[in-house]
């Protein structure tokens, strides 16, 4: 629970970018799946845009990862990517 209290938007944004790049998805692809512009999506990855819980779950679904992996602060519990 303590990790959630220390949640930092820049870590979530970096985790999202890391998974997107691992999956070889473009920002345009994710933006289209989320029904937003590429510019709006870019702001998410840069941490300039606040994420709603709904949007975070949608991103996790598109990236095929658990939300907990995207918000992980503890690197031992961070994003675990498999092909």
PDB file of N, CA and C in Angstrom:
ATOM      1  N   UNK A   1       0.820  -1.194   0.000  1.00  0.00           N
ATOM      2  CA  UNK A   1       0.000   0.000   0.000  1.00  0.00           C
ATOM      3  C   UNK A   1       0.863   1.257   0.000  1.00  0.00           C
ATOM      4  N   UNK A   2       1.997   1.180   0.645  1.00  0.00           N
ATOM      5  CA  UNK A   2       2.865   2.341   0.721  1.00  0.00           C
ATOM      6  C   UNK A   2       3.305   2.790  -0.669  1.00  0.00           C
ATOM      7  N   UNK A   3       3.576   1.835  -1.573  1.00  0.00           N
ATOM      8  CA  UNK A   3       3.983   2.194  -2.926  1.00  0.00           C
ATOM      9  C   UNK A   3       2.934   3.054  -3.611  1.00  0.00           C
ATOM     10  N   UNK A   4       1.661   2.770  -3.398  1.00  0.00           N
ATOM     11  CA  UNK A   4       0.607   3.565  -4.018  1.00  0.00           C
ATOM     12  C   UNK A   4       0.620   4.994  -3.502  1.00  0.00           C
ATOM     13  N   UNK A   5       0.990   5.164  -2.248  1.00  0.00           N
ATOM     14  CA  UNK A   5       1.060   6.500  -1.680  1.00  0.00           C
ATOM     15  C   UNK A   5       2.215   7.290  -2.271  1.00  0.00           C
ATOM     16  N   UNK A   6       3.225   6.593  -2.759  1.00  0.00           N
ATOM     17  CA  UNK A   6       4.400   7.236  -3.328  1.00  0.00           C
ATOM     18  C   UNK A   6       4.353   7.269  -4.856  1.00  0.00           C
ATOM     19  N   UNK A   7       3.216   6.974  -5.430  1.00  0.00           N
ATOM     20  CA  UNK A   7       3.060   6.913  -6.876  1.00  0.00           C
ATOM     21  C   UNK A   7       3.462   8.226  -7.529  1.00  0.00           C
ATOM     22  N   UNK A   8       4.322   8.122  -8.532  1.00  0.00           N
ATOM     23  CA  UNK A   8       4.788   9.303  -9.238  1.00  0.00           C
ATOM     24  C   UNK A   8       4.373   9.212 -10.697  1.00  0.00           C
ATOM     25  N   UNK A   9       3.731  10.251 -11.205  1.00  0.00           N
ATOM     26  CA  UNK A   9       3.258  10.220 -12.596  1.00  0.00           C
ATOM     27  C   UNK A   9       4.359   9.940 -13.606  1.00  0.00           C
ATOM     28  N   UNK A  10       5.563  10.438 -13.352  1.00  0.00           N
ATOM     29  CA  UNK A  10       6.652  10.220 -14.314  1.00  0.00           C
ATOM     30  C   UNK A  10       7.055   8.748 -14.396  1.00  0.00           C
ATOM     31  N   UNK A  11       6.889   8.002 -13.310  1.00  0.00           N
ATOM     32  CA  UNK A  11       7.192   6.569 -13.331  1.00  0.00           C
ATOM     33  C   UNK A  11       6.137   5.830 -14.139  1.00  0.00           C
ATOM     34  N   UNK A  12       4.878   6.185 -13.940  1.00  0.00           N
ATOM     35  CA  UNK A  12       3.795   5.570 -14.711  1.00  0.00           C
ATOM     36  C   UNK A  12       4.001   5.866 -16.192  1.00  0.00           C
ATOM     37  N   UNK A  13       4.300   7.110 -16.522  1.00  0.00           N
ATOM     38  CA  UNK A  13       4.519   7.501 -17.920  1.00  0.00           C
ATOM     39  C   UNK A  13       5.686   6.728 -18.527  1.00  0.00           C
ATOM     40  N   UNK A  14       6.775   6.588 -17.777  1.00  0.00           N
ATOM     41  CA  UNK A  14       7.942   5.847 -18.273  1.00  0.00           C
ATOM     42  C   UNK A  14       7.609   4.374 -18.471  1.00  0.00           C
ATOM     43  N   UNK A  15       6.827   3.806 -17.567  1.00  0.00           N
ATOM     44  CA  UNK A  15       6.429   2.400 -17.707  1.00  0.00           C
ATOM     45  C   UNK A  15       5.548   2.200 -18.937  1.00  0.00           C
ATOM     46  N   UNK A  16       4.645   3.128 -19.176  1.00  0.00           N
ATOM     47  CA  UNK A  16       3.786   3.042 -20.364  1.00  0.00           C
ATOM     48  C   UNK A  16       4.645   3.090 -21.623  1.00  0.00           C
ATOM     49  N   UNK A  17       5.564   4.038 -21.678  1.00  0.00           N
ATOM     50  CA  UNK A  17       6.439   4.163 -22.847  1.00  0.00           C
ATOM     51  C   UNK A  17       7.275   2.901 -23.046  1.00  0.00           C
ATOM     52  N   UNK A  18       7.812   2.368 -21.958  1.00  0.00           N
ATOM     53  CA  UNK A  18       8.647   1.167 -22.025  1.00  0.00           C
ATOM     54  C   UNK A  18       7.879  -0.003 -22.636  1.00  0.00           C
ATOM     55  N   UNK A  19       6.661  -0.214 -22.185  1.00  0.00           N
ATOM     56  CA  UNK A  19       5.850  -1.317 -22.708  1.00  0.00           C
ATOM     57  C   UNK A  19       5.477  -1.056 -24.165  1.00  0.00           C
ATOM     58  N   UNK A  20       5.088   0.178 -24.472  1.00  0.00           N
ATOM     59  CA  UNK A  20       4.716   0.507 -25.856  1.00  0.00           C
ATOM     60  C   UNK A  20       5.875   0.220 -26.805  1.00  0.00           C
ATOM     61  N   UNK A  21       7.062   0.637 -26.432  1.00  0.00           N
ATOM     62  CA  UNK A  21       8.233   0.406 -27.281  1.00  0.00           C
ATOM     63  C   UNK A  21       8.562  -1.079 -27.374  1.00  0.00           C
ATOM     64  N   UNK A  22       8.429  -1.807 -26.266  1.00  0.00           N
ATOM     65  CA  UNK A  22       8.682  -3.246 -26.278  1.00  0.00           C
ATOM     66  C   UNK A  22       7.738  -3.958 -27.243  1.00  0.00           C
ATOM     67  N   UNK A  23       6.501  -3.510 -27.280  1.00  0.00           N
ATOM     68  CA  UNK A  23       5.495  -4.116 -28.160  1.00  0.00           C
ATOM     69  C   UNK A  23       5.623  -3.619 -29.608  1.00  0.00           C
ATOM     70  N   UNK A  24       6.556  -2.704 -29.834  1.00  0.00           N
ATOM     71  CA  UNK A  24       6.746  -2.090 -31.158  1.00  0.00           C
ATOM     72  C   UNK A  24       5.495  -1.369 -31.642  1.00  0.00           C
ATOM     73  N   UNK A  25       4.788  -0.757 -30.709  1.00  0.00           N
ATOM     74  CA  UNK A  25       3.623   0.051 -31.049  1.00  0.00           C
ATOM     75  C   UNK A  25       4.064   1.508 -31.184  1.00  0.00           C
ATOM     76  N   UNK A  26       3.469   2.208 -32.113  1.00  0.00           N
ATOM     77  CA  UNK A  26       3.747   3.634 -32.254  1.00  0.00           C
ATOM     78  C   UNK A  26       2.800   4.425 -31.359  1.00  0.00           C
ATOM     79  N   UNK A  27       3.161   5.674 -31.137  1.00  0.00           N
ATOM     80  CA  UNK A  27       2.252   6.551 -30.403  1.00  0.00           C
ATOM     81  C   UNK A  27       0.953   6.722 -31.175  1.00  0.00           C
ATOM     82  N   UNK A  28       1.041   6.769 -32.494  1.00  0.00           N
ATOM     83  CA  UNK A  28      -0.168   6.886 -33.321  1.00  0.00           C
ATOM     84  C   UNK A  28      -1.101   5.700 -33.096  1.00  0.00           C
ATOM     85  N   UNK A  29      -0.525   4.497 -33.004  1.00  0.00           N
ATOM     86  CA  UNK A  29      -1.332   3.293 -32.796  1.00  0.00           C
ATOM     87  C   UNK A  29      -2.069   3.367 -31.459  1.00  0.00           C
ATOM     88  N   UNK A  30      -1.324   3.696 -30.394  1.00  0.00           N
ATOM     89  CA  UNK A  30      -1.962   3.786 -29.074  1.00  0.00           C
ATOM     90  C   UNK A  30      -3.008   4.887 -29.046  1.00  0.00           C
ATOM     91  N   UNK A  31      -2.687   6.019 -29.651  1.00  0.00           N
ATOM     92  CA  UNK A  31      -3.638   7.127 -29.689  1.00  0.00           C
ATOM     93  C   UNK A  31      -4.935   6.702 -30.373  1.00  0.00           C
ATOM     94  N   UNK A  32      -4.815   5.995 -31.490  1.00  0.00           N
ATOM     95  CA  UNK A  32      -6.008   5.532 -32.208  1.00  0.00           C
ATOM     96  C   UNK A  32      -6.825   4.580 -31.346  1.00  0.00           C
ATOM     97  N   UNK A  33      -6.157   3.656 -30.652  1.00  0.00           N
ATOM     98  CA  UNK A  33      -6.858   2.705 -29.785  1.00  0.00           C
ATOM     99  C   UNK A  33      -7.572   3.408 -28.627  1.00  0.00           C
ATOM    100  N   UNK A  34      -7.006   4.533 -28.193  1.00  0.00           N
ATOM    101  CA  UNK A  34      -7.583   5.286 -27.077  1.00  0.00           C
ATOM    102  C   UNK A  34      -8.552   6.374 -27.550  1.00  0.00           C
ATOM    103  N   UNK A  35      -8.680   6.511 -28.860  1.00  0.00           N
ATOM    104  CA  UNK A  35      -9.545   7.544 -29.461  1.00  0.00           C
ATOM    105  C   UNK A  35      -9.138   8.956 -29.055  1.00  0.00           C
ATOM    106  N   UNK A  36      -7.815   9.192 -29.067  1.00  0.00           N
ATOM    107  CA  UNK A  36      -7.277  10.524 -28.794  1.00  0.00           C
ATOM    108  C   UNK A  36      -6.250  10.846 -29.872  1.00  0.00           C
ATOM    109  N   UNK A  37      -5.806  12.088 -29.918  1.00  0.00           N
ATOM    110  CA  UNK A  37      -4.794  12.473 -30.902  1.00  0.00           C
ATOM    111  C   UNK A  37      -3.418  11.960 -30.469  1.00  0.00           C
ATOM    112  N   UNK A  38      -2.511  11.888 -31.423  1.00  0.00           N
ATOM    113  CA  UNK A  38      -1.139  11.481 -31.107  1.00  0.00           C
ATOM    114  C   UNK A  38      -0.522  12.489 -30.150  1.00  0.00           C
ATOM    115  N   UNK A  39      -0.838  13.768 -30.334  1.00  0.00           N
ATOM    116  CA  UNK A  39      -0.310  14.808 -29.464  1.00  0.00           C
ATOM    117  C   UNK A  39      -0.792  14.610 -28.022  1.00  0.00           C
ATOM    118  N   UNK A  40      -2.059  14.278 -27.862  1.00  0.00           N
ATOM    119  CA  UNK A  40      -2.603  14.023 -26.518  1.00  0.00           C
ATOM    120  C   UNK A  40      -1.937  12.799 -25.901  1.00  0.00           C
ATOM    121  N   UNK A  41      -1.709  11.768 -26.721  1.00  0.00           N
ATOM    122  CA  UNK A  41      -1.048  10.569 -26.204  1.00  0.00           C
ATOM    123  C   UNK A  41       0.389  10.886 -25.795  1.00  0.00           C
ATOM    124  N   UNK A  42       1.082  11.665 -26.617  1.00  0.00           N
ATOM    125  CA  UNK A  42       2.458  12.045 -26.304  1.00  0.00           C
ATOM    126  C   UNK A  42       2.535  12.733 -24.943  1.00  0.00           C
ATOM    127  N   UNK A  43       1.558  13.562 -24.641  1.00  0.00           N
ATOM    128  CA  UNK A  43       1.528  14.255 -23.346  1.00  0.00           C
ATOM    129  C   UNK A  43       1.366  13.270 -22.190  1.00  0.00           C
ATOM    130  N   UNK A  44       0.685  12.167 -22.426  1.00  0.00           N
ATOM    131  CA  UNK A  44       0.567  11.127 -21.396  1.00  0.00           C
ATOM    132  C   UNK A  44       1.944  10.547 -21.107  1.00  0.00           C
ATOM    133  N   UNK A  45       2.675  10.170 -22.170  1.00  0.00           N
ATOM    134  CA  UNK A  45       4.000   9.570 -21.981  1.00  0.00           C
ATOM    135  C   UNK A  45       5.010  10.549 -21.395  1.00  0.00           C
ATOM    136  N   UNK A  46       4.828  11.823 -21.663  1.00  0.00           N
ATOM    137  CA  UNK A  46       5.735  12.831 -21.118  1.00  0.00           C
ATOM    138  C   UNK A  46       5.359  13.230 -19.692  1.00  0.00           C
ATOM    139  N   UNK A  47       4.207  12.747 -19.230  1.00  0.00           N
ATOM    140  CA  UNK A  47       3.758  13.073 -17.884  1.00  0.00           C
ATOM    141  C   UNK A  47       3.110  14.440 -17.782  1.00  0.00           C
ATOM    142  N   UNK A  48       2.776  15.053 -18.919  1.00  0.00           N
ATOM    143  CA  UNK A  48       2.152  16.376 -18.921  1.00  0.00           C
ATOM    144  C   UNK A  48       0.641  16.307 -18.743  1.00  0.00           C
ATOM    145  N   UNK A  49       0.077  15.138 -18.956  1.00  0.00           N
ATOM    146  CA  UNK A  49      -1.370  14.962 -18.886  1.00  0.00           C
ATOM    147  C   UNK A  49      -1.707  14.007 -17.741  1.00  0.00           C
ATOM    148  N   UNK A  50      -2.673  14.384 -16.925  1.00  0.00           N
ATOM    149  CA  UNK A  50      -3.090  13.508 -15.829  1.00  0.00           C
ATOM    150  C   UNK A  50      -3.915  12.357 -16.383  1.00  0.00           C
ATOM    151  N   UNK A  51      -3.664  11.183 -15.857  1.00  0.00           N
ATOM    152  CA  UNK A  51      -4.389   9.987 -16.282  1.00  0.00           C
ATOM    153  C   UNK A  51      -5.570   9.721 -15.366  1.00  0.00           C
ATOM    154  N   UNK A  52      -6.701   9.421 -15.962  1.00  0.00           N
ATOM    155  CA  UNK A  52      -7.829   8.948 -15.166  1.00  0.00           C
ATOM    156  C   UNK A  52      -7.629   7.451 -14.943  1.00  0.00           C
ATOM    157  N   UNK A  53      -8.301   6.928 -13.956  1.00  0.00           N
ATOM    158  CA  UNK A  53      -8.237   5.488 -13.702  1.00  0.00           C
ATOM    159  C   UNK A  53      -8.751   4.734 -14.924  1.00  0.00           C
ATOM    160  N   UNK A  54      -9.831   5.236 -15.500  1.00  0.00           N
ATOM    161  CA  UNK A  54     -10.404   4.594 -16.689  1.00  0.00           C
ATOM    162  C   UNK A  54      -9.390   4.546 -17.834  1.00  0.00           C
ATOM    163  N   UNK A  55      -8.709   5.665 -18.085  1.00  0.00           N
ATOM    164  CA  UNK A  55      -7.731   5.706 -19.176  1.00  0.00           C
ATOM    165  C   UNK A  55      -6.550   4.782 -18.866  1.00  0.00           C
ATOM    166  N   UNK A  56      -6.114   4.737 -17.617  1.00  0.00           N
ATOM    167  CA  UNK A  56      -5.010   3.862 -17.238  1.00  0.00           C
ATOM    168  C   UNK A  56      -5.368   2.400 -17.498  1.00  0.00           C
ATOM    169  N   UNK A  57      -6.587   2.010 -17.151  1.00  0.00           N
ATOM    170  CA  UNK A  57      -7.028   0.639 -17.420  1.00  0.00           C
ATOM    171  C   UNK A  57      -7.115   0.370 -18.917  1.00  0.00           C
ATOM    172  N   UNK A  58      -7.557   1.359 -19.685  1.00  0.00           N
ATOM    173  CA  UNK A  58      -7.651   1.197 -21.136  1.00  0.00           C
ATOM    174  C   UNK A  58      -6.255   1.023 -21.741  1.00  0.00           C
ATOM    175  N   UNK A  59      -5.294   1.832 -21.305  1.00  0.00           N
ATOM    176  CA  UNK A  59      -3.915   1.712 -21.788  1.00  0.00           C
ATOM    177  C   UNK A  59      -3.361   0.338 -21.440  1.00  0.00           C
ATOM    178  N   UNK A  60      -3.573  -0.104 -20.210  1.00  0.00           N
ATOM    179  CA  UNK A  60      -3.089  -1.425 -19.794  1.00  0.00           C
ATOM    180  C   UNK A  60      -3.692  -2.516 -20.663  1.00  0.00           C
ATOM    181  N   UNK A  61      -4.964  -2.392 -20.981  1.00  0.00           N
ATOM    182  CA  UNK A  61      -5.633  -3.382 -21.824  1.00  0.00           C
ATOM    183  C   UNK A  61      -5.025  -3.416 -23.223  1.00  0.00           C
ATOM    184  N   UNK A  62      -4.822  -2.258 -23.818  1.00  0.00           N
ATOM    185  CA  UNK A  62      -4.232  -2.190 -25.161  1.00  0.00           C
ATOM    186  C   UNK A  62      -2.812  -2.760 -25.152  1.00  0.00           C
ATOM    187  N   UNK A  63      -2.066  -2.471 -24.089  1.00  0.00           N
ATOM    188  CA  UNK A  63      -0.682  -2.949 -23.992  1.00  0.00           C
ATOM    189  C   UNK A  63      -0.588  -4.388 -23.488  1.00  0.00           C
ATOM    190  N   UNK A  64      -1.709  -4.959 -23.071  1.00  0.00           N
ATOM    191  CA  UNK A  64      -1.774  -6.331 -22.575  1.00  0.00           C
ATOM    192  C   UNK A  64      -0.886  -6.548 -21.347  1.00  0.00           C
ATOM    193  N   UNK A  65      -1.002  -5.614 -20.398  1.00  0.00           N
ATOM    194  CA  UNK A  65      -0.308  -5.736 -19.113  1.00  0.00           C
ATOM    195  C   UNK A  65      -1.299  -5.400 -18.003  1.00  0.00           C
ATOM    196  N   UNK A  66      -0.946  -5.758 -16.784  1.00  0.00           N
ATOM    197  CA  UNK A  66      -1.769  -5.414 -15.628  1.00  0.00           C
ATOM    198  C   UNK A  66      -1.506  -3.957 -15.247  1.00  0.00           C
ATOM    199  N   UNK A  67      -2.528  -3.294 -14.774  1.00  0.00           N
ATOM    200  CA  UNK A  67      -2.379  -1.910 -14.324  1.00  0.00           C
ATOM    201  C   UNK A  67      -1.306  -1.820 -13.250  1.00  0.00           C
ATOM    202  N   UNK A  68      -1.248  -2.810 -12.376  1.00  0.00           N
ATOM    203  CA  UNK A  68      -0.255  -2.789 -11.295  1.00  0.00           C
ATOM    204  C   UNK A  68       1.169  -2.759 -11.835  1.00  0.00           C
ATOM    205  N   UNK A  69       1.377  -3.314 -13.020  1.00  0.00           N
ATOM    206  CA  UNK A  69       2.712  -3.267 -13.618  1.00  0.00           C
ATOM    207  C   UNK A  69       3.034  -1.868 -14.126  1.00  0.00           C
ATOM    208  N   UNK A  70       2.031  -1.141 -14.563  1.00  0.00           N
ATOM    209  CA  UNK A  70       2.265   0.217 -15.053  1.00  0.00           C
ATOM    210  C   UNK A  70       2.493   1.207 -13.921  1.00  0.00           C
ATOM    211  N   UNK A  71       1.921   0.940 -12.762  1.00  0.00           N
ATOM    212  CA  UNK A  71       2.070   1.889 -11.652  1.00  0.00           C
ATOM    213  C   UNK A  71       3.156   1.469 -10.669  1.00  0.00           C
ATOM    214  N   UNK A  72       3.834   0.363 -10.941  1.00  0.00           N
ATOM    215  CA  UNK A  72       4.841  -0.153 -10.015  1.00  0.00           C
ATOM    216  C   UNK A  72       5.973   0.846  -9.820  1.00  0.00           C
ATOM    217  N   UNK A  73       6.257   1.134  -8.566  1.00  0.00           N
ATOM    218  CA  UNK A  73       7.384   1.986  -8.203  1.00  0.00           C
ATOM    219  C   UNK A  73       8.583   1.112  -7.895  1.00  0.00           C
ATOM    220  N   UNK A  74       8.325  -0.009  -7.247  1.00  0.00           N
ATOM    221  CA  UNK A  74       9.358  -0.970  -6.873  1.00  0.00           C
ATOM    222  C   UNK A  74       9.776  -1.728  -8.129  1.00  0.00           C
ATOM    223  N   UNK A  75      11.041  -1.565  -8.540  1.00  0.00           N
ATOM    224  CA  UNK A  75      11.506  -2.177  -9.783  1.00  0.00           C
ATOM    225  C   UNK A  75      11.413  -3.696  -9.773  1.00  0.00           C
ATOM    226  N   UNK A  76      11.452  -4.308  -8.605  1.00  0.00           N
ATOM    227  CA  UNK A  76      11.328  -5.768  -8.552  1.00  0.00           C
ATOM    228  C   UNK A  76       9.907  -6.204  -8.898  1.00  0.00           C
ATOM    229  N   UNK A  77       8.943  -5.269  -8.802  1.00  0.00           N
ATOM    230  CA  UNK A  77       7.559  -5.570  -9.157  1.00  0.00           C
ATOM    231  C   UNK A  77       7.131  -4.814 -10.404  1.00  0.00           C
ATOM    232  N   UNK A  78       8.092  -4.256 -11.109  1.00  0.00           N
ATOM    233  CA  UNK A  78       7.783  -3.432 -12.273  1.00  0.00           C
ATOM    234  C   UNK A  78       7.289  -4.229 -13.452  1.00  0.00           C
ATOM    235  N   UNK A  79       7.412  -3.636 -14.596  1.00  0.00           N
ATOM    236  CA  UNK A  79       6.889  -4.219 -15.820  1.00  0.00           C
ATOM    237  C   UNK A  79       7.674  -5.471 -16.179  1.00  0.00           C
ATOM    238  N   UNK A  80       6.955  -6.582 -16.304  1.00  0.00           N
ATOM    239  CA  UNK A  80       7.544  -7.854 -16.725  1.00  0.00           C
ATOM    240  C   UNK A  80       6.985  -8.171 -18.099  1.00  0.00           C
ATOM    241  N   UNK A  81       7.831  -8.051 -19.090  1.00  0.00           N
ATOM    242  CA  UNK A  81       7.365  -8.203 -20.463  1.00  0.00           C
ATOM    243  C   UNK A  81       7.726  -9.564 -21.009  1.00  0.00           C
ATOM    244  N   UNK A  82       6.757 -10.168 -21.678  1.00  0.00           N
ATOM    245  CA  UNK A  82       6.961 -11.460 -22.322  1.00  0.00           C
ATOM    246  C   UNK A  82       6.462 -11.361 -23.743  1.00  0.00           C
ATOM    247  N   UNK A  83       7.085 -12.126 -24.610  1.00  0.00           N
ATOM    248  CA  UNK A  83       6.641 -12.139 -26.017  1.00  0.00           C
ATOM    249  C   UNK A  83       5.419 -12.979 -26.175  1.00  0.00           C
TER     250      UNK A  83
END
